PDB file of N, CA and C in Angstrom:
ATOM      1  N   MET A   1       8.390  15.710  19.876  1.00  0.00           N
ATOM      2  CA  MET A   1       8.092  16.905  20.636  1.00  0.00           C
ATOM      3  C   MET A   1       8.553  18.121  19.841  1.00  0.00           C
ATOM      4  N   TYR A   2       7.681  19.116  19.720  1.00  0.00           N
ATOM      5  CA  TYR A   2       7.967  20.336  18.963  1.00  0.00           C
ATOM      6  C   TYR A   2       7.821  21.550  19.870  1.00  0.00           C
ATOM      7  N   ASN A   3       8.616  22.581  19.593  1.00  0.00           N
ATOM      8  CA  ASN A   3       8.488  23.804  20.379  1.00  0.00           C
ATOM      9  C   ASN A   3       8.780  25.028  19.524  1.00  0.00           C
ATOM     10  N   ALA A   4       8.448  26.199  20.073  1.00  0.00           N
ATOM     11  CA  ALA A   4       8.676  27.473  19.390  1.00  0.00           C
ATOM     12  C   ALA A   4       8.750  28.577  20.438  1.00  0.00           C
ATOM     13  N   LEU A   5       9.338  29.703  20.045  1.00  0.00           N
ATOM     14  CA  LEU A   5       9.510  30.836  20.951  1.00  0.00           C
ATOM     15  C   LEU A   5       9.127  32.128  20.233  1.00  0.00           C
ATOM     16  N   ILE A   6       8.317  32.934  20.909  1.00  0.00           N
ATOM     17  CA  ILE A   6       7.839  34.208  20.362  1.00  0.00           C
ATOM     18  C   ILE A   6       8.237  35.326  21.312  1.00  0.00           C
ATOM     19  N   ARG A   7       8.627  36.456  20.725  1.00  0.00           N
ATOM     20  CA  ARG A   7       8.924  37.650  21.518  1.00  0.00           C
ATOM     21  C   ARG A   7       8.037  38.777  20.998  1.00  0.00           C
ATOM     22  N   THR A   8       7.465  39.546  21.913  1.00  0.00           N
ATOM     23  CA  THR A   8       6.633  40.696  21.553  1.00  0.00           C
ATOM     24  C   THR A   8       7.062  41.889  22.400  1.00  0.00           C
ATOM     25  N   HIS A   9       6.461  43.032  22.128  1.00  0.00           N
ATOM     26  CA  HIS A   9       6.774  44.213  22.935  1.00  0.00           C
ATOM     27  C   HIS A   9       6.337  44.005  24.381  1.00  0.00           C
ATOM     28  N   HIS A  10       5.097  43.579  24.579  1.00  0.00           N
ATOM     29  CA  HIS A  10       4.581  43.305  25.919  1.00  0.00           C
ATOM     30  C   HIS A  10       3.330  42.433  25.812  1.00  0.00           C
ATOM     31  N   ILE A  11       2.932  41.850  26.928  1.00  0.00           N
ATOM     32  CA  ILE A  11       1.708  41.052  27.007  1.00  0.00           C
ATOM     33  C   ILE A  11       0.956  41.544  28.237  1.00  0.00           C
ATOM     34  N   THR A  12      -0.131  42.295  28.019  1.00  0.00           N
ATOM     35  CA  THR A  12      -0.888  42.820  29.157  1.00  0.00           C
ATOM     36  C   THR A  12      -2.393  42.617  29.039  1.00  0.00           C
ATOM     37  N   SER A  13      -2.903  42.374  27.857  1.00  0.00           N
ATOM     38  CA  SER A  13      -4.345  42.268  27.653  1.00  0.00           C
ATOM     39  C   SER A  13      -4.887  40.938  28.184  1.00  0.00           C
ATOM     40  N   ARG A  14      -5.750  41.020  29.205  1.00  0.00           N
ATOM     41  CA  ARG A  14      -6.359  39.807  29.764  1.00  0.00           C
ATOM     42  C   ARG A  14      -7.264  39.141  28.717  1.00  0.00           C
ATOM     43  N   LYS A  15      -7.886  39.943  27.859  1.00  0.00           N
ATOM     44  CA  LYS A  15      -8.757  39.397  26.820  1.00  0.00           C
ATOM     45  C   LYS A  15      -7.948  38.536  25.841  1.00  0.00           C
ATOM     46  N   LYS A  16      -6.779  39.027  25.435  1.00  0.00           N
ATOM     47  CA  LYS A  16      -5.923  38.251  24.531  1.00  0.00           C
ATOM     48  C   LYS A  16      -5.398  36.997  25.222  1.00  0.00           C
ATOM     49  N   ILE A  17      -5.032  37.111  26.492  1.00  0.00           N
ATOM     50  CA  ILE A  17      -4.532  35.942  27.219  1.00  0.00           C
ATOM     51  C   ILE A  17      -5.619  34.886  27.331  1.00  0.00           C
ATOM     52  N   SER A  18      -6.854  35.319  27.519  1.00  0.00           N
ATOM     53  CA  SER A  18      -7.976  34.379  27.558  1.00  0.00           C
ATOM     54  C   SER A  18      -8.090  33.620  26.232  1.00  0.00           C
ATOM     55  N   LYS A  19      -7.903  34.336  25.122  1.00  0.00           N
ATOM     56  CA  LYS A  19      -7.955  33.688  23.804  1.00  0.00           C
ATOM     57  C   LYS A  19      -6.781  32.732  23.612  1.00  0.00           C
ATOM     58  N   LEU A  20      -5.599  33.101  24.115  1.00  0.00           N
ATOM     59  CA  LEU A  20      -4.433  32.217  24.015  1.00  0.00           C
ATOM     60  C   LEU A  20      -4.615  30.961  24.862  1.00  0.00           C
ATOM     61  N   THR A  21      -5.264  31.109  26.013  1.00  0.00           N
ATOM     62  CA  THR A  21      -5.547  29.959  26.874  1.00  0.00           C
ATOM     63  C   THR A  21      -6.482  28.990  26.161  1.00  0.00           C
ATOM     64  N   ALA A  22      -7.526  29.528  25.537  1.00  0.00           N
ATOM     65  CA  ALA A  22      -8.461  28.686  24.784  1.00  0.00           C
ATOM     66  C   ALA A  22      -7.751  28.009  23.609  1.00  0.00           C
ATOM     67  N   ALA A  23      -6.847  28.734  22.945  1.00  0.00           N
ATOM     68  CA  ALA A  23      -6.106  28.164  21.815  1.00  0.00           C
ATOM     69  C   ALA A  23      -5.170  27.052  22.277  1.00  0.00           C
ATOM     70  N   ALA A  24      -4.548  27.213  23.450  1.00  0.00           N
ATOM     71  CA  ALA A  24      -3.673  26.160  23.987  1.00  0.00           C
ATOM     72  C   ALA A  24      -4.469  24.890  24.229  1.00  0.00           C
ATOM     73  N   SER A  25      -5.670  25.045  24.753  1.00  0.00           N
ATOM     74  CA  SER A  25      -6.537  23.887  24.979  1.00  0.00           C
ATOM     75  C   SER A  25      -6.958  23.259  23.649  1.00  0.00           C
ATOM     76  N   HIS A  26      -7.361  24.102  22.713  1.00  0.00           N
ATOM     77  CA  HIS A  26      -7.820  23.619  21.406  1.00  0.00           C
ATOM     78  C   HIS A  26      -6.726  22.853  20.657  1.00  0.00           C
ATOM     79  N   HIS A  27      -5.503  23.356  20.693  1.00  0.00           N
ATOM     80  CA  HIS A  27      -4.392  22.734  19.960  1.00  0.00           C
ATOM     81  C   HIS A  27      -3.632  21.705  20.796  1.00  0.00           C
ATOM     82  N   ASN A  28      -4.042  21.532  22.055  1.00  0.00           N
ATOM     83  CA  ASN A  28      -3.422  20.579  22.984  1.00  0.00           C
ATOM     84  C   ASN A  28      -1.911  20.789  23.091  1.00  0.00           C
ATOM     85  N   ILE A  29      -1.532  22.043  23.341  1.00  0.00           N
ATOM     86  CA  ILE A  29      -0.118  22.383  23.538  1.00  0.00           C
ATOM     87  C   ILE A  29       0.050  22.978  24.933  1.00  0.00           C
ATOM     88  N   TYR A  30       1.298  23.035  25.381  1.00  0.00           N
ATOM     89  CA  TYR A  30       1.632  23.724  26.624  1.00  0.00           C
ATOM     90  C   TYR A  30       2.204  25.077  26.238  1.00  0.00           C
ATOM     91  N   ALA A  31       1.719  26.140  26.856  1.00  0.00           N
ATOM     92  CA  ALA A  31       2.227  27.482  26.577  1.00  0.00           C
ATOM     93  C   ALA A  31       2.621  28.159  27.882  1.00  0.00           C
ATOM     94  N   LEU A  32       3.694  28.922  27.819  1.00  0.00           N
ATOM     95  CA  LEU A  32       4.171  29.702  28.953  1.00  0.00           C
ATOM     96  C   LEU A  32       4.343  31.144  28.492  1.00  0.00           C
ATOM     97  N   LEU A  33       3.765  32.090  29.236  1.00  0.00           N
ATOM     98  CA  LEU A  33       3.843  33.505  28.893  1.00  0.00           C
ATOM     99  C   LEU A  33       4.572  34.276  29.972  1.00  0.00           C
ATOM    100  N   ARG A  34       5.321  35.280  29.559  1.00  0.00           N
ATOM    101  CA  ARG A  34       5.866  36.266  30.493  1.00  0.00           C
ATOM    102  C   ARG A  34       4.917  37.453  30.401  1.00  0.00           C
ATOM    103  N   TYR A  35       4.106  37.640  31.445  1.00  0.00           N
ATOM    104  CA  TYR A  35       3.050  38.635  31.488  1.00  0.00           C
ATOM    105  C   TYR A  35       3.561  39.945  32.082  1.00  0.00           C
ATOM    106  N   GLY A  36       3.075  41.063  31.598  1.00  0.00           N
ATOM    107  CA  GLY A  36       3.421  42.362  32.169  1.00  0.00           C
ATOM    108  C   GLY A  36       4.153  43.233  31.171  1.00  0.00           C
ATOM    109  N   GLY A  37       5.186  43.927  31.634  1.00  0.00           N
ATOM    110  CA  GLY A  37       5.929  44.861  30.791  1.00  0.00           C
ATOM    111  C   GLY A  37       6.799  44.182  29.760  1.00  0.00           C
ATOM    112  N   ALA A  38       7.655  44.994  29.157  1.00  0.00           N
ATOM    113  CA  ALA A  38       8.532  44.504  28.090  1.00  0.00           C
ATOM    114  C   ALA A  38       9.666  43.659  28.675  1.00  0.00           C
ATOM    115  N   PRO A  39      10.114  42.633  27.989  1.00  0.00           N
ATOM    116  CA  PRO A  39       9.532  42.088  26.762  1.00  0.00           C
ATOM    117  C   PRO A  39       8.429  41.084  27.081  1.00  0.00           C
ATOM    118  N   GLY A  40       7.544  40.900  26.124  1.00  0.00           N
ATOM    119  CA  GLY A  40       6.575  39.814  26.218  1.00  0.00           C
ATOM    120  C   GLY A  40       7.223  38.578  25.619  1.00  0.00           C
ATOM    121  N   ILE A  41       7.127  37.455  26.312  1.00  0.00           N
ATOM    122  CA  ILE A  41       7.746  36.215  25.829  1.00  0.00           C
ATOM    123  C   ILE A  41       6.700  35.113  25.862  1.00  0.00           C
ATOM    124  N   MET A  42       6.655  34.316  24.800  1.00  0.00           N
ATOM    125  CA  MET A  42       5.751  33.170  24.735  1.00  0.00           C
ATOM    126  C   MET A  42       6.539  31.946  24.288  1.00  0.00           C
ATOM    127  N   TYR A  43       6.405  30.867  25.039  1.00  0.00           N
ATOM    128  CA  TYR A  43       7.013  29.583  24.683  1.00  0.00           C
ATOM    129  C   TYR A  43       5.879  28.594  24.533  1.00  0.00           C
ATOM    130  N   CYS A  44       5.962  27.740  23.537  1.00  0.00           N
ATOM    131  CA  CYS A  44       4.972  26.669  23.438  1.00  0.00           C
ATOM    132  C   CYS A  44       5.654  25.382  23.010  1.00  0.00           C
ATOM    133  N   GLN A  45       5.083  24.287  23.465  1.00  0.00           N
ATOM    134  CA  GLN A  45       5.558  22.979  23.020  1.00  0.00           C
ATOM    135  C   GLN A  45       4.371  22.039  22.949  1.00  0.00           C
ATOM    136  N   GLY A  46       4.490  21.091  22.034  1.00  0.00           N
ATOM    137  CA  GLY A  46       3.424  20.120  21.852  1.00  0.00           C
ATOM    138  C   GLY A  46       3.954  18.843  21.250  1.00  0.00           C
ATOM    139  N   ARG A  47       3.138  17.837  21.315  1.00  0.00           N
ATOM    140  CA  ARG A  47       3.527  16.531  20.779  1.00  0.00           C
ATOM    141  C   ARG A  47       3.538  16.521  19.255  1.00  0.00           C
ATOM    142  N   HIS A  48       2.744  17.435  18.658  1.00  0.00           N
ATOM    143  CA  HIS A  48       2.608  17.456  17.199  1.00  0.00           C
ATOM    144  C   HIS A  48       2.918  18.849  16.658  1.00  0.00           C
ATOM    145  N   GLU A  49       3.634  18.886  15.553  1.00  0.00           N
ATOM    146  CA  GLU A  49       4.000  20.155  14.929  1.00  0.00           C
ATOM    147  C   GLU A  49       2.761  20.970  14.551  1.00  0.00           C
ATOM    148  N   ALA A  50       1.715  20.309  14.094  1.00  0.00           N
ATOM    149  CA  ALA A  50       0.500  21.015  13.683  1.00  0.00           C
ATOM    150  C   ALA A  50      -0.113  21.802  14.836  1.00  0.00           C
ATOM    151  N   GLY A  51      -0.072  21.261  16.045  1.00  0.00           N
ATOM    152  CA  GLY A  51      -0.606  21.965  17.207  1.00  0.00           C
ATOM    153  C   GLY A  51       0.186  23.218  17.524  1.00  0.00           C
ATOM    154  N   VAL A  52       1.515  23.111  17.462  1.00  0.00           N
ATOM    155  CA  VAL A  52       2.382  24.263  17.727  1.00  0.00           C
ATOM    156  C   VAL A  52       2.156  25.330  16.658  1.00  0.00           C
ATOM    157  N   LYS A  53       2.120  24.930  15.397  1.00  0.00           N
ATOM    158  CA  LYS A  53       1.900  25.888  14.307  1.00  0.00           C
ATOM    159  C   LYS A  53       0.515  26.526  14.397  1.00  0.00           C
ATOM    160  N   GLY A  54      -0.483  25.745  14.778  1.00  0.00           N
ATOM    161  CA  GLY A  54      -1.836  26.278  14.931  1.00  0.00           C
ATOM    162  C   GLY A  54      -1.915  27.331  16.021  1.00  0.00           C
ATOM    163  N   TRP A  55      -1.243  27.067  17.140  1.00  0.00           N
ATOM    164  CA  TRP A  55      -1.247  28.030  18.242  1.00  0.00           C
ATOM    165  C   TRP A  55      -0.542  29.318  17.819  1.00  0.00           C
ATOM    166  N   ILE A  56       0.576  29.188  17.106  1.00  0.00           N
ATOM    167  CA  ILE A  56       1.305  30.371  16.631  1.00  0.00           C
ATOM    168  C   ILE A  56       0.429  31.186  15.680  1.00  0.00           C
ATOM    169  N   ALA A  57      -0.318  30.521  14.821  1.00  0.00           N
ATOM    170  CA  ALA A  57      -1.226  31.230  13.913  1.00  0.00           C
ATOM    171  C   ALA A  57      -2.271  32.017  14.707  1.00  0.00           C
ATOM    172  N   ASP A  58      -2.765  31.429  15.799  1.00  0.00           N
ATOM    173  CA  ASP A  58      -3.724  32.136  16.649  1.00  0.00           C
ATOM    174  C   ASP A  58      -3.075  33.354  17.313  1.00  0.00           C
ATOM    175  N   VAL A  59      -1.814  33.224  17.736  1.00  0.00           N
ATOM    176  CA  VAL A  59      -1.089  34.359  18.326  1.00  0.00           C
ATOM    177  C   VAL A  59      -0.953  35.472  17.287  1.00  0.00           C
ATOM    178  N   LYS A  60      -0.577  35.126  16.062  1.00  0.00           N
ATOM    179  CA  LYS A  60      -0.412  36.129  14.998  1.00  0.00           C
ATOM    180  C   LYS A  60      -1.704  36.895  14.753  1.00  0.00           C
ATOM    181  N   ARG A  61      -2.834  36.188  14.797  1.00  0.00           N
ATOM    182  CA  ARG A  61      -4.127  36.840  14.559  1.00  0.00           C
ATOM    183  C   ARG A  61      -4.451  37.898  15.621  1.00  0.00           C
ATOM    184  N   LEU A  62      -3.835  37.795  16.789  1.00  0.00           N
ATOM    185  CA  LEU A  62      -4.082  38.771  17.854  1.00  0.00           C
ATOM    186  C   LEU A  62      -3.262  40.052  17.675  1.00  0.00           C
ATOM    187  N   ARG A  63      -2.368  40.058  16.699  1.00  0.00           N
ATOM    188  CA  ARG A  63      -1.629  41.255  16.282  1.00  0.00           C
ATOM    189  C   ARG A  63      -0.871  41.928  17.429  1.00  0.00           C
ATOM    190  N   TYR A  64      -0.029  41.161  18.095  1.00  0.00           N
ATOM    191  CA  TYR A  64       0.818  41.723  19.145  1.00  0.00           C
ATOM    192  C   TYR A  64       1.843  42.679  18.546  1.00  0.00           C
ATOM    193  N   LYS A  65       2.116  43.771  19.246  1.00  0.00           N
ATOM    194  CA  LYS A  65       3.112  44.751  18.807  1.00  0.00           C
ATOM    195  C   LYS A  65       4.495  44.099  18.793  1.00  0.00           C
ATOM    196  N   ASP A  66       5.258  44.343  17.743  1.00  0.00           N
ATOM    197  CA  ASP A  66       6.629  43.827  17.580  1.00  0.00           C
ATOM    198  C   ASP A  66       6.699  42.304  17.649  1.00  0.00           C
ATOM    199  N   PHE A  67       5.699  41.618  17.097  1.00  0.00           N
ATOM    200  CA  PHE A  67       5.693  40.149  17.077  1.00  0.00           C
ATOM    201  C   PHE A  67       6.926  39.631  16.338  1.00  0.00           C
ATOM    202  N   GLN A  68       7.679  38.751  16.996  1.00  0.00           N
ATOM    203  CA  GLN A  68       8.838  38.107  16.370  1.00  0.00           C
ATOM    204  C   GLN A  68       8.806  36.624  16.707  1.00  0.00           C
ATOM    205  N   LEU A  69       8.783  35.788  15.697  1.00  0.00           N
ATOM    206  CA  LEU A  69       8.896  34.344  15.905  1.00  0.00           C
ATOM    207  C   LEU A  69      10.392  34.046  15.932  1.00  0.00           C
ATOM    208  N   VAL A  70      11.004  34.147  17.119  1.00  0.00           N
ATOM    209  CA  VAL A  70      12.462  34.055  17.231  1.00  0.00           C
ATOM    210  C   VAL A  70      12.971  32.623  17.150  1.00  0.00           C
ATOM    211  N   ARG A  71      12.126  31.658  17.427  1.00  0.00           N
ATOM    212  CA  ARG A  71      12.455  30.240  17.242  1.00  0.00           C
ATOM    213  C   ARG A  71      11.265  29.599  16.564  1.00  0.00           C
ATOM    214  N   LYS A  72      11.426  29.295  15.286  1.00  0.00           N
ATOM    215  CA  LYS A  72      10.342  28.701  14.504  1.00  0.00           C
ATOM    216  C   LYS A  72      10.016  27.300  15.015  1.00  0.00           C
ATOM    217  N   PRO A  73       8.790  26.839  14.775  1.00  0.00           N
ATOM    218  CA  PRO A  73       8.420  25.493  15.222  1.00  0.00           C
ATOM    219  C   PRO A  73       9.381  24.451  14.664  1.00  0.00           C
ATOM    220  N   GLY A  74       9.861  23.608  15.535  1.00  0.00           N
ATOM    221  CA  GLY A  74      10.782  22.550  15.139  1.00  0.00           C
ATOM    222  C   GLY A  74      10.877  21.509  16.223  1.00  0.00           C
ATOM    223  N   LEU A  75      11.608  20.454  15.937  1.00  0.00           N
ATOM    224  CA  LEU A  75      11.822  19.426  16.946  1.00  0.00           C
ATOM    225  C   LEU A  75      12.502  20.051  18.150  1.00  0.00           C
ATOM    226  N   LYS A  76      12.044  19.684  19.319  1.00  0.00           N
ATOM    227  CA  LYS A  76      12.571  20.257  20.560  1.00  0.00           C
ATOM    228  C   LYS A  76      14.047  19.950  20.701  1.00  0.00           C
ATOM    229  N   GLU A  77      14.836  21.014  20.857  1.00  0.00           N
ATOM    230  CA  GLU A  77      16.274  20.886  21.092  1.00  0.00           C
ATOM    231  C   GLU A  77      16.507  21.069  22.578  1.00  0.00           C
ATOM    232  N   GLY A  78      17.073  20.065  23.209  1.00  0.00           N
ATOM    233  CA  GLY A  78      17.315  20.164  24.643  1.00  0.00           C
ATOM    234  C   GLY A  78      18.745  20.534  24.956  1.00  0.00           C
ATOM    235  N   ASP A  79      18.964  20.931  26.205  1.00  0.00           N
ATOM    236  CA  ASP A  79      20.305  21.204  26.709  1.00  0.00           C
ATOM    237  C   ASP A  79      20.921  19.884  27.150  1.00  0.00           C
ATOM    238  N   GLY A  80      22.151  19.659  26.784  1.00  0.00           N
ATOM    239  CA  GLY A  80      22.846  18.447  27.241  1.00  0.00           C
ATOM    240  C   GLY A  80      22.148  17.190  26.788  1.00  0.00           C
ATOM    241  N   ASP A  81      21.633  16.424  27.762  1.00  0.00           N
ATOM    242  CA  ASP A  81      20.995  15.154  27.426  1.00  0.00           C
ATOM    243  C   ASP A  81      19.538  15.316  27.007  1.00  0.00           C
ATOM    244  N   GLY A  82      19.059  16.565  26.975  1.00  0.00           N
ATOM    245  CA  GLY A  82      17.698  16.815  26.516  1.00  0.00           C
ATOM    246  C   GLY A  82      16.645  16.629  27.587  1.00  0.00           C
ATOM    247  N   GLU A  83      17.049  16.293  28.792  1.00  0.00           N
ATOM    248  CA  GLU A  83      16.093  16.088  29.867  1.00  0.00           C
ATOM    249  C   GLU A  83      15.949  17.362  30.680  1.00  0.00           C
ATOM    250  N   GLY A  84      14.724  17.676  31.054  1.00  0.00           N
ATOM    251  CA  GLY A  84      14.481  18.807  31.934  1.00  0.00           C
ATOM    252  C   GLY A  84      14.813  18.435  33.361  1.00  0.00           C
ATOM    253  N   LYS A  85      14.575  19.358  34.245  1.00  0.00           N
ATOM    254  CA  LYS A  85      14.868  19.125  35.654  1.00  0.00           C
ATOM    255  C   LYS A  85      13.575  18.858  36.417  1.00  0.00           C
ATOM    256  N   GLY A  86      12.790  17.932  35.925  1.00  0.00           N
ATOM    257  CA  GLY A  86      11.582  17.532  36.630  1.00  0.00           C
ATOM    258  C   GLY A  86      10.368  18.404  36.380  1.00  0.00           C
ATOM    259  N   GLU A  87      10.427  19.322  35.436  1.00  0.00           N
ATOM    260  CA  GLU A  87       9.290  20.183  35.120  1.00  0.00           C
ATOM    261  C   GLU A  87       8.192  19.334  34.485  1.00  0.00           C
ATOM    262  N   VAL A  88       7.016  19.365  35.070  1.00  0.00           N
ATOM    263  CA  VAL A  88       5.886  18.603  34.548  1.00  0.00           C
ATOM    264  C   VAL A  88       5.131  19.479  33.553  1.00  0.00           C
ATOM    265  N   VAL A  89       4.917  18.951  32.366  1.00  0.00           N
ATOM    266  CA  VAL A  89       4.218  19.690  31.317  1.00  0.00           C
ATOM    267  C   VAL A  89       2.801  19.146  31.204  1.00  0.00           C
ATOM    268  N   ARG A  90       1.852  20.044  31.328  1.00  0.00           N
ATOM    269  CA  ARG A  90       0.445  19.674  31.160  1.00  0.00           C
ATOM    270  C   ARG A  90      -0.041  20.270  29.850  1.00  0.00           C
ATOM    271  N   TYR A  91      -0.291  19.418  28.897  1.00  0.00           N
ATOM    272  CA  TYR A  91      -0.727  19.884  27.586  1.00  0.00           C
ATOM    273  C   TYR A  91      -2.171  20.357  27.655  1.00  0.00           C
ATOM    274  N   GLY A  92      -2.481  21.313  26.789  1.00  0.00           N
ATOM    275  CA  GLY A  92      -3.820  21.872  26.753  1.00  0.00           C
ATOM    276  C   GLY A  92      -4.013  23.026  27.718  1.00  0.00           C
ATOM    277  N   ARG A  93      -2.901  23.567  28.235  1.00  0.00           N
ATOM    278  CA  ARG A  93      -3.047  24.699  29.150  1.00  0.00           C
ATOM    279  C   ARG A  93      -1.946  25.730  28.956  1.00  0.00           C
ATOM    280  N   LEU A  94      -2.209  26.898  29.502  1.00  0.00           N
ATOM    281  CA  LEU A  94      -1.288  28.017  29.425  1.00  0.00           C
ATOM    282  C   LEU A  94      -0.975  28.468  30.850  1.00  0.00           C
ATOM    283  N   GLU A  95       0.290  28.774  31.097  1.00  0.00           N
ATOM    284  CA  GLU A  95       0.706  29.276  32.401  1.00  0.00           C
ATOM    285  C   GLU A  95       1.389  30.623  32.216  1.00  0.00           C
ATOM    286  N   GLU A  96       1.371  31.443  33.268  1.00  0.00           N
ATOM    287  CA  GLU A  96       1.959  32.779  33.212  1.00  0.00           C
ATOM    288  C   GLU A  96       2.999  32.959  34.307  1.00  0.00           C
ATOM    289  N   VAL A  97       4.042  33.708  33.993  1.00  0.00           N
ATOM    290  CA  VAL A  97       5.022  34.152  34.986  1.00  0.00           C
ATOM    291  C   VAL A  97       5.182  35.663  34.810  1.00  0.00           C
ATOM    292  N   GLU A  98       5.702  36.331  35.841  1.00  0.00           N
ATOM    293  CA  GLU A  98       5.785  37.788  35.791  1.00  0.00           C
ATOM    294  C   GLU A  98       7.165  38.334  35.465  1.00  0.00           C
ATOM    295  N   SER A  99       8.217  37.518  35.594  1.00  0.00           N
ATOM    296  CA  SER A  99       9.562  38.048  35.364  1.00  0.00           C
ATOM    297  C   SER A  99      10.332  37.206  34.350  1.00  0.00           C
ATOM    298  N   VAL A 100      11.309  37.846  33.711  1.00  0.00           N
ATOM    299  CA  VAL A 100      12.182  37.130  32.780  1.00  0.00           C
ATOM    300  C   VAL A 100      12.989  36.089  33.548  1.00  0.00           C
ATOM    301  N   LYS A 101      13.387  36.418  34.766  1.00  0.00           N
ATOM    302  CA  LYS A 101      14.145  35.479  35.602  1.00  0.00           C
ATOM    303  C   LYS A 101      13.340  34.206  35.860  1.00  0.00           C
ATOM    304  N   GLU A 102      12.070  34.370  36.215  1.00  0.00           N
ATOM    305  CA  GLU A 102      11.211  33.206  36.453  1.00  0.00           C
ATOM    306  C   GLU A 102      10.986  32.422  35.158  1.00  0.00           C
ATOM    307  N   PHE A 103      10.833  33.137  34.044  1.00  0.00           N
ATOM    308  CA  PHE A 103      10.667  32.482  32.747  1.00  0.00           C
ATOM    309  C   PHE A 103      11.899  31.639  32.440  1.00  0.00           C
ATOM    310  N   GLY A 104      13.089  32.212  32.669  1.00  0.00           N
ATOM    311  CA  GLY A 104      14.337  31.483  32.446  1.00  0.00           C
ATOM    312  C   GLY A 104      14.435  30.237  33.309  1.00  0.00           C
ATOM    313  N   ALA A 105      14.000  30.350  34.561  1.00  0.00           N
ATOM    314  CA  ALA A 105      14.018  29.184  35.448  1.00  0.00           C
ATOM    315  C   ALA A 105      13.104  28.087  34.921  1.00  0.00           C
ATOM    316  N   ARG A 106      11.961  28.469  34.368  1.00  0.00           N
ATOM    317  CA  ARG A 106      11.043  27.480  33.787  1.00  0.00           C
ATOM    318  C   ARG A 106      11.652  26.841  32.541  1.00  0.00           C
ATOM    319  N   MET A 107      12.368  27.641  31.739  1.00  0.00           N
ATOM    320  CA  MET A 107      13.036  27.100  30.554  1.00  0.00           C
ATOM    321  C   MET A 107      14.103  26.086  30.970  1.00  0.00           C
ATOM    322  N   GLU A 108      14.826  26.395  32.039  1.00  0.00           N
ATOM    323  CA  GLU A 108      15.822  25.455  32.551  1.00  0.00           C
ATOM    324  C   GLU A 108      15.145  24.169  33.006  1.00  0.00           C
ATOM    325  N   GLY A 109      14.019  24.303  33.682  1.00  0.00           N
ATOM    326  CA  GLY A 109      13.274  23.137  34.137  1.00  0.00           C
ATOM    327  C   GLY A 109      12.768  22.270  32.999  1.00  0.00           C
ATOM    328  N   LEU A 110      12.489  22.904  31.861  1.00  0.00           N
ATOM    329  CA  LEU A 110      12.022  22.168  30.683  1.00  0.00           C
ATOM    330  C   LEU A 110      13.174  21.626  29.840  1.00  0.00           C
ATOM    331  N   GLY A 111      14.405  21.964  30.224  1.00  0.00           N
ATOM    332  CA  GLY A 111      15.570  21.464  29.499  1.00  0.00           C
ATOM    333  C   GLY A 111      15.904  22.220  28.230  1.00  0.00           C
ATOM    334  N   VAL A 112      15.439  23.474  28.128  1.00  0.00           N
ATOM    335  CA  VAL A 112      15.682  24.260  26.909  1.00  0.00           C
ATOM    336  C   VAL A 112      16.293  25.628  27.217  1.00  0.00           C
ATOM    337  N   TRP A 113      17.004  25.744  28.325  1.00  0.00           N
ATOM    338  CA  TRP A 113      17.527  27.030  28.766  1.00  0.00           C
ATOM    339  C   TRP A 113      18.500  27.637  27.761  1.00  0.00           C
ATOM    340  N   GLU A 114      19.485  26.885  27.293  1.00  0.00           N
ATOM    341  CA  GLU A 114      20.451  27.418  26.323  1.00  0.00           C
ATOM    342  C   GLU A 114      19.762  27.770  25.010  1.00  0.00           C
ATOM    343  N   TRP A 115      18.842  26.945  24.550  1.00  0.00           N
ATOM    344  CA  TRP A 115      18.062  27.196  23.330  1.00  0.00           C
ATOM    345  C   TRP A 115      17.300  28.508  23.474  1.00  0.00           C
ATOM    346  N   TRP A 116      16.665  28.711  24.626  1.00  0.00           N
ATOM    347  CA  TRP A 116      15.898  29.919  24.902  1.00  0.00           C
ATOM    348  C   TRP A 116      16.813  31.145  24.953  1.00  0.00           C
ATOM    349  N   ARG A 117      17.943  31.050  25.640  1.00  0.00           N
ATOM    350  CA  ARG A 117      18.879  32.174  25.755  1.00  0.00           C
ATOM    351  C   ARG A 117      19.388  32.602  24.381  1.00  0.00           C
ATOM    352  N   ALA A 118      19.705  31.635  23.522  1.00  0.00           N
ATOM    353  CA  ALA A 118      20.161  31.966  22.167  1.00  0.00           C
ATOM    354  C   ALA A 118      19.032  32.624  21.373  1.00  0.00           C
ATOM    355  N   GLY A 119      17.822  32.111  21.493  1.00  0.00           N
ATOM    356  CA  GLY A 119      16.680  32.686  20.794  1.00  0.00           C
ATOM    357  C   GLY A 119      16.370  34.109  21.224  1.00  0.00           C
ATOM    358  N   MET A 120      16.588  34.395  22.493  1.00  0.00           N
ATOM    359  CA  MET A 120      16.338  35.737  23.023  1.00  0.00           C
ATOM    360  C   MET A 120      17.485  36.698  22.714  1.00  0.00           C
ATOM    361  N   GLY A 121      18.609  36.173  22.220  1.00  0.00           N
ATOM    362  CA  GLY A 121      19.756  37.014  21.906  1.00  0.00           C
ATOM    363  C   GLY A 121      20.661  37.277  23.096  1.00  0.00           C
ATOM    364  N   PHE A 122      20.484  36.521  24.179  1.00  0.00           N
ATOM    365  CA  PHE A 122      21.324  36.690  25.367  1.00  0.00           C
ATOM    366  C   PHE A 122      22.713  36.107  25.155  1.00  0.00           C
ATOM    367  N   VAL A 123      22.828  35.100  24.288  1.00  0.00           N
ATOM    368  CA  VAL A 123      24.107  34.471  23.940  1.00  0.00           C
ATOM    369  C   VAL A 123      24.108  34.228  22.439  1.00  0.00           C
ATOM    370  N   GLY A 124      25.294  34.026  21.860  1.00  0.00           N
ATOM    371  CA  GLY A 124      25.395  33.735  20.434  1.00  0.00           C
ATOM    372  C   GLY A 124      24.967  32.312  20.125  1.00  0.00           C
ATOM    373  N   GLU A 125      24.610  32.092  18.879  1.00  0.00           N
ATOM    374  CA  GLU A 125      24.253  30.750  18.416  1.00  0.00           C
ATOM    375  C   GLU A 125      25.475  29.857  18.448  1.00  0.00           C
ATOM    376  N   LYS A 126      25.262  28.586  18.798  1.00  0.00           N
ATOM    377  CA  LYS A 126      26.368  27.622  18.762  1.00  0.00           C
ATOM    378  C   LYS A 126      26.658  27.254  17.320  1.00  0.00           C
ATOM    379  N   GLY A 127      27.929  27.112  17.042  1.00  0.00           N
ATOM    380  CA  GLY A 127      28.347  26.762  15.867  1.00  0.00           C
ATOM    381  C   GLY A 127      28.568  26.369  14.655  1.00  0.00           C
TER     382      GLY A 127
END
């Protein structure tokens, strides 16, 4: 399992989100977006590194303002035992949330809350 985290200034264009949805399906990855004002946050995970990297390449082509790949594609690092809290991941689709709080709750459900917080700069890197 591979994942990555992207931060942008904001995500508001429905046209770009439509393209990201199609890319998630094409690369068979799961993507989660924080839609609306600043900051824009994108999380993706997939069974294969190539799918995650392909989706990120598609995001880069859309030229989001202040694009930052804050967590490069890599093997999924989980919190504690690496298990989420029952969050079901459907590959090949993209989901949206409106708040950072809701995004954080989804990260906790996926078992990557501490990884996400460190990537966002909310806490320091572990050791």
